[in-house]
Amino acid sequence: MPRFVVAEREGAEEESSSEEEQSEEEDEHEQEEEHADEQEAGDAGQAAADAERAQSNGQAGMSGAGGAGSARGKLKIQLGGAKGKLVCHVCGKSGHCAGFIGSVYHDCPNKPCYLCKKSGHTTMTCPYRIAPEHGCTPSAATSDGVLSAVRKRERDGRRREVQLEPKRWQVDAAVLRLHSRRCTCLEFHPTKDNLVLSGDKKGQVAVWDHIKVYERTVYPMHRALTNNICFFDTASALSCASASSDGLLKVFDIETGLDNVIIDLNPGGWIPGVTTEKSWNMLYGLGACGERGLLITGDTRGCLHLGDARAGKAVGRHQLHKKGNKVNSVHVHPVDCNLLLTGSNDWTARLADLRCLTSAHCEPSLGRKAGSAHPAQLAQLAHSKVVNAAYFSPVTGGKVLTTCIDNRLRVWDRLVGVDGPPDREIVHSHDFNRYLTPFRAEWDPKDPNERLIIVGRYISEDFNGSALHPVDLLDAGSGRILTQLVDANLATICPVNKPHPRLDMIVSGSSRSLYAWRPAAQEEAEGGGRARSASGALPGPSSGTPRANGGGSSAGASANYVFWDVGDDEKKKRRASSGGGAEAEGEDDGDIEGWEKKKKKGGGSKDKGKQQPRKKGGDDEGKGKEQPRNKGGDGGKGGKGKAPK
């Protein structure tokens, strides 16, 4: 590991800016080095050690070694020096250290690579980081034979192979601090292109209009994490289902917030002194079969629960996975609703037939041997670690994509071959789940070739001196990265990402906020700027600054970036209410009691038309002033103030 000189100064000089920015780990290494110097110096060099300690604390005027002379000594602090006095906190050995140096992370050379989990190299020199498609077997090309041509026609129909071209994306709109806790799931409305639903760790469900930006509704739906949400009735498109860690499966109306409990795994609630973590059951994965009005959800004990949304009750429970392992994802085949795909903590993804699932409890005591497969199981997809997600391809359902925390995305090109090894393993950084929502790779439903994958990345990259965590667009056929979505307005990790089923847009959930990505328009990339139209539609974001790495990645901010900070608005409401303002009781979105009062009347906590979103970019003229509403022109461009009500 290279040697880094952090500071070099005279004893009477003040602390430099580089020393002020050192991490706590570097401070510990400095103390260990000073302690070693004191032991080696002995009694004869006690005065020299005192002088060095005084200089490290910023004191001046101390004497040199042995107290003889008044010459001021120099202090050098080195990381990874040749003396081998530093101790790595990762492996415990001396001679090197691990951690961030600026915006670049240096890992321990004595440990396996954090990305591919193999020894012999570091993360910075990992071949999968340099070329993500390294070692990935591309899709097999068909020969010119008649049999191969007929097989391809029967398999793919008349679909024409389209070459995936990289695009340049930027954050076009955002709602900041929409939730009170981190975002856990996203789902687009099946018919209204402008609405996106999101759940958070506190149990809230939010409905956000990404076109108007400032219009949103938040419902306190659960008492714990909202792990998954999905629409199941495409006819009315108003009913949505949610599965939560409080053990409830609910169906609610997105306009009124009125809900109906379908499944309750903990009917007695949490009883202090009686209920324990082992006895408490939670729901995670959630899928829907609209043709049957059936909701399928997985719990923390490896069971699948079936609920009838029309009758409003549970109709079955089945032990599909190993006991004590939660079912993280449930997905129904997009063409054949009889097929079901699940991913679990038992290191497997399983393909099942819904027709074989009956209302009886399939327990070993009812005739099935312990450890044997469920009668409905068709195939078992083995993995090396926990499977966070498993999805069918969105158009034909003929492919399978799984996300495993061993930093591998696995792709099966044929549904009939899922019981064997995957056709492709793509090495990708997504194995960090502590204090984060688990990463889940998603298919792009608009891609007719079923090759585009969207997934967030944990390991950061250096973009113009900033450590950013990209959202990667991958080619499932070759494993290569098509585009890295990075933006200066988004510096946090994006574990939750959802591509729009009809529009060219991706919404990312990062911490408590939501960000809408759109491709940069060509005229915007050349420096021109466009504002919103009078109807409120977004004609396309601008490109801002040029791409940092080229080829579809940029760290610059969009000149047409519009955002709304919910936290600032709520603070003003609280100040107004505390000062005797005219704000109505329960108007604050964090006031659950007020929401419950309004819920009886059929309403949730809404903020519609109260203020215009903020807009970044453009000229600085009018900065901080109140701007008029922007209706189809560039008036008020660049202003950060709020429009009058």
Foldseek 3Di string as FASTA:
>chain_A
DDKDWQDKDWLQDADDPSVVPDDPLLVVLVVQVLVVVDVVCPPQFPQQSVLQVSSVVNHDQGDHGNRPHRDIDMDIRMALDPVQRGAEPPPRGTRHYWADDQQDTWHDLVAAELFQRHHDDYVVPDPCVVFLLVPWDFDDDFDPDPVSVVVCCVVQPPDDDDDDAFFAKAFQEKAALPDPWFWAAKDAQPPDQQWIWTWGFQQKIKIARRLQFQWMFIDNHDRGGFQDKDDQANVVSQWIWTFWQQQWIWIAGPFQRDIATATHQCVPGDDPPPDDPVSRKGWHAWEYDNVQQWIWIKIQQQKIWITRNVVSYTQAIENQDHGRKTWHYKYAQQPDRQWIWTFIQVQKIWIFGNVLGHRDYPDCVVPNPPPDGDPGTDAIQGGPGGWNDKYAQQPRSQKIWIDGLSQWIFIANGPVPRNDGGSTIGGAAQNDPVSHHGADKDFQLVDSVRFWIWIWHDAFDQFPSATATWIFIAGNRSNGTQATEAELVHRATFRYKDHRNPDQWIWTTGISMITIMHGADPVLAVPDAFEAAQVSGDPHWHDADDARVDRHHRHYHTQNYWYHHVVVVLVVVVVQVVVVHPDDPPLRLVDNVSQVVVSVVRHGRIDPPQKRTATAHDDCPQAPHAWADDHGDCGPRHHGDIHHD
